[in-house]
Amino acid sequence: MNLNLVSLPDITALYTALFLLLMLALAANVVRWRLKAKISLGDGGNKDLAGAMRCHGNATEYVPLVLLGMALLEMLGASNMAMHLYGGLFLLARLAHALGMSQPKKVNVLRQLGIVISWGIMLSVAVHLLVKVM
């Protein structure tokens, strides 16, 4: 039996904790709007509640995949600097996106910047993983 012992991804654990706090804040914002609008299921046509739900939903669509990619990279021996670059930029991107989503404007720079940086991090992590495994 061949056992490959790998150290647990410490840096990814740090960013996972930070993203858990962000996700909790986004979920609490949905509850805040639900209580304010007295809507327990769906968005009831309330644009503020719908926006809060999409902001939380968008984060749940992106954050787990990037954290998984980061964990794999860290286990494959990516440098601490690369890991902090990915994690730090991704956290800033998701914060910018969430703040942008809370703005009354339909399109704004924070939201656009947040998603473009998020996609850039996703692409970078994916390419880095491919280089590591090839």
Protein backbone atom coordinates (compact mmCIF):
# COMPACT_ATOMS: atom_id res chain seq x y z
CA MET A 1 0.00 0.00 0.00
CA ASN A 2 1.40 3.37 -1.03
CA LEU A 3 0.37 6.21 1.27
CA ASN A 4 1.01 9.78 0.25
CA LEU A 5 0.97 11.91 3.37
CA VAL A 6 0.13 15.51 2.61
CA SER A 7 0.10 18.39 5.03
CA LEU A 8 -3.24 20.07 5.54
CA PRO A 9 -3.64 23.38 3.68
CA ASP A 10 -3.04 25.98 6.42
CA ILE A 11 -3.32 29.05 4.19
CA THR A 12 -6.50 27.82 2.55
CA ALA A 13 -7.89 27.18 6.05
CA LEU A 14 -7.29 30.85 6.89
CA TYR A 15 -9.12 32.05 3.79
CA THR A 16 -11.91 29.51 4.36
CA ALA A 17 -12.47 31.03 7.81
CA LEU A 18 -12.57 34.53 6.34
CA PHE A 19 -14.99 33.45 3.62
CA LEU A 20 -17.19 31.71 6.19
CA LEU A 21 -17.50 35.07 7.96
CA LEU A 22 -18.33 36.80 4.67
CA MET A 23 -20.95 34.16 3.81
CA LEU A 24 -22.49 34.53 7.28
CA ALA A 25 -22.71 38.32 6.81
CA LEU A 26 -24.35 37.87 3.39
CA ALA A 27 -26.83 35.33 4.81
CA ALA A 28 -27.64 37.68 7.72
CA ASN A 29 -28.32 40.44 5.19
CA VAL A 30 -30.88 38.20 3.47
CA VAL A 31 -32.57 37.55 6.82
CA ARG A 32 -32.53 41.28 7.59
CA TRP A 33 -34.38 42.03 4.34
CA ARG A 34 -36.78 39.11 4.93
CA LEU A 35 -37.72 40.47 8.35
CA LYS A 36 -38.05 44.01 7.05
CA ALA A 37 -40.27 42.94 4.14
CA LYS A 38 -42.08 40.23 6.15
CA ILE A 39 -41.36 37.64 3.45
CA SER A 40 -40.43 34.14 4.59
CA LEU A 41 -40.07 32.35 1.26
CA GLY A 42 -38.84 33.60 -2.11
CA ASP A 43 -38.44 37.32 -2.70
CA GLY A 44 -42.11 38.29 -2.90
CA GLY A 45 -41.27 40.78 -5.63
CA ASN A 46 -39.14 42.83 -3.23
CA LYS A 47 -36.14 44.11 -5.21
CA ASP A 48 -33.96 44.67 -2.13
CA LEU A 49 -34.56 41.14 -0.88
CA ALA A 50 -33.98 39.71 -4.37
CA GLY A 51 -30.69 41.60 -4.58
CA ALA A 52 -29.54 40.35 -1.17
CA MET A 53 -30.47 36.80 -2.17
CA ARG A 54 -28.52 37.05 -5.44
CA CYS A 55 -25.52 38.53 -3.66
CA HIS A 56 -25.45 35.57 -1.25
CA GLY A 57 -26.23 33.10 -4.03
CA ASN A 58 -23.50 34.48 -6.27
CA ALA A 59 -20.96 34.05 -3.49
CA THR A 60 -22.09 30.47 -2.89
CA GLU A 61 -21.57 29.78 -6.60
CA TYR A 62 -17.98 31.07 -6.72
CA VAL A 63 -16.37 30.77 -3.28
CA PRO A 64 -16.42 26.96 -2.76
CA LEU A 65 -14.81 26.20 -6.15
CA VAL A 66 -11.99 28.68 -5.67
CA LEU A 67 -11.33 27.44 -2.11
CA LEU A 68 -11.24 23.86 -3.40
CA GLY A 69 -8.78 24.87 -6.11
CA MET A 70 -6.66 26.70 -3.55
CA ALA A 71 -6.64 23.70 -1.20
CA LEU A 72 -5.51 21.42 -4.02
CA LEU A 73 -2.80 23.88 -5.04
CA GLU A 74 -1.56 24.20 -1.50
CA MET A 75 -1.45 20.41 -1.09
CA LEU A 76 0.48 20.22 -4.38
CA GLY A 77 3.12 22.57 -2.97
CA ALA A 78 2.22 26.00 -4.34
CA SER A 79 4.20 28.81 -2.73
CA ASN A 80 2.85 30.67 0.26
CA MET A 81 3.10 33.89 -1.71
CA ALA A 82 0.92 32.51 -4.53
CA MET A 83 -1.61 31.19 -2.05
CA HIS A 84 -1.90 34.52 -0.22
CA LEU A 85 -2.10 36.35 -3.53
CA TYR A 86 -4.99 34.16 -4.69
CA GLY A 87 -6.78 34.22 -1.33
CA GLY A 88 -6.28 37.91 -0.61
CA LEU A 89 -7.27 39.11 -4.07
CA PHE A 90 -10.25 36.78 -4.18
CA LEU A 91 -11.45 38.02 -0.79
CA LEU A 92 -11.11 41.65 -1.90
CA ALA A 93 -12.91 40.81 -5.14
CA ARG A 94 -15.83 39.17 -3.35
CA LEU A 95 -16.08 42.08 -0.88
CA ALA A 96 -16.11 44.55 -3.79
CA HIS A 97 -18.76 42.48 -5.56
CA ALA A 98 -20.96 42.30 -2.45
CA LEU A 99 -20.65 46.05 -1.87
CA GLY A 100 -21.39 46.69 -5.52
CA MET A 101 -24.48 44.49 -5.39
CA SER A 102 -25.78 46.55 -2.47
CA GLN A 103 -25.63 49.79 -4.47
CA PRO A 104 -28.87 51.07 -5.98
CA LYS A 105 -27.32 51.51 -9.43
CA LYS A 106 -27.94 48.72 -11.91
CA VAL A 107 -24.31 48.67 -13.04
CA ASN A 108 -21.39 49.90 -10.97
CA VAL A 109 -17.63 49.72 -10.90
CA LEU A 110 -17.33 47.76 -7.63
CA ARG A 111 -19.55 44.95 -8.87
CA GLN A 112 -17.78 44.84 -12.24
CA LEU A 113 -14.33 44.93 -10.64
CA GLY A 114 -15.33 42.22 -8.18
CA ILE A 115 -16.48 39.79 -10.84
CA VAL A 116 -13.60 40.45 -13.24
CA ILE A 117 -11.04 39.87 -10.47
CA SER A 118 -12.97 36.76 -9.33
CA TRP A 119 -12.80 35.36 -12.86
CA GLY A 120 -9.12 36.24 -13.09
CA ILE A 121 -8.41 34.35 -9.86
CA MET A 122 -10.44 31.37 -11.09
CA LEU A 123 -8.48 31.30 -14.32
CA SER A 124 -5.14 31.72 -12.51
CA VAL A 125 -5.90 28.93 -10.03
CA ALA A 126 -7.06 26.64 -12.86
CA VAL A 127 -3.92 27.26 -14.94
CA HIS A 128 -1.69 26.87 -11.88
CA LEU A 129 -3.37 23.54 -11.11
CA LEU A 130 -2.90 22.35 -14.69
CA VAL A 131 0.78 23.28 -14.59
CA LYS A 132 1.22 21.45 -11.27
CA VAL A 133 -0.37 18.23 -12.47
CA MET A 134 1.13 18.09 -15.96
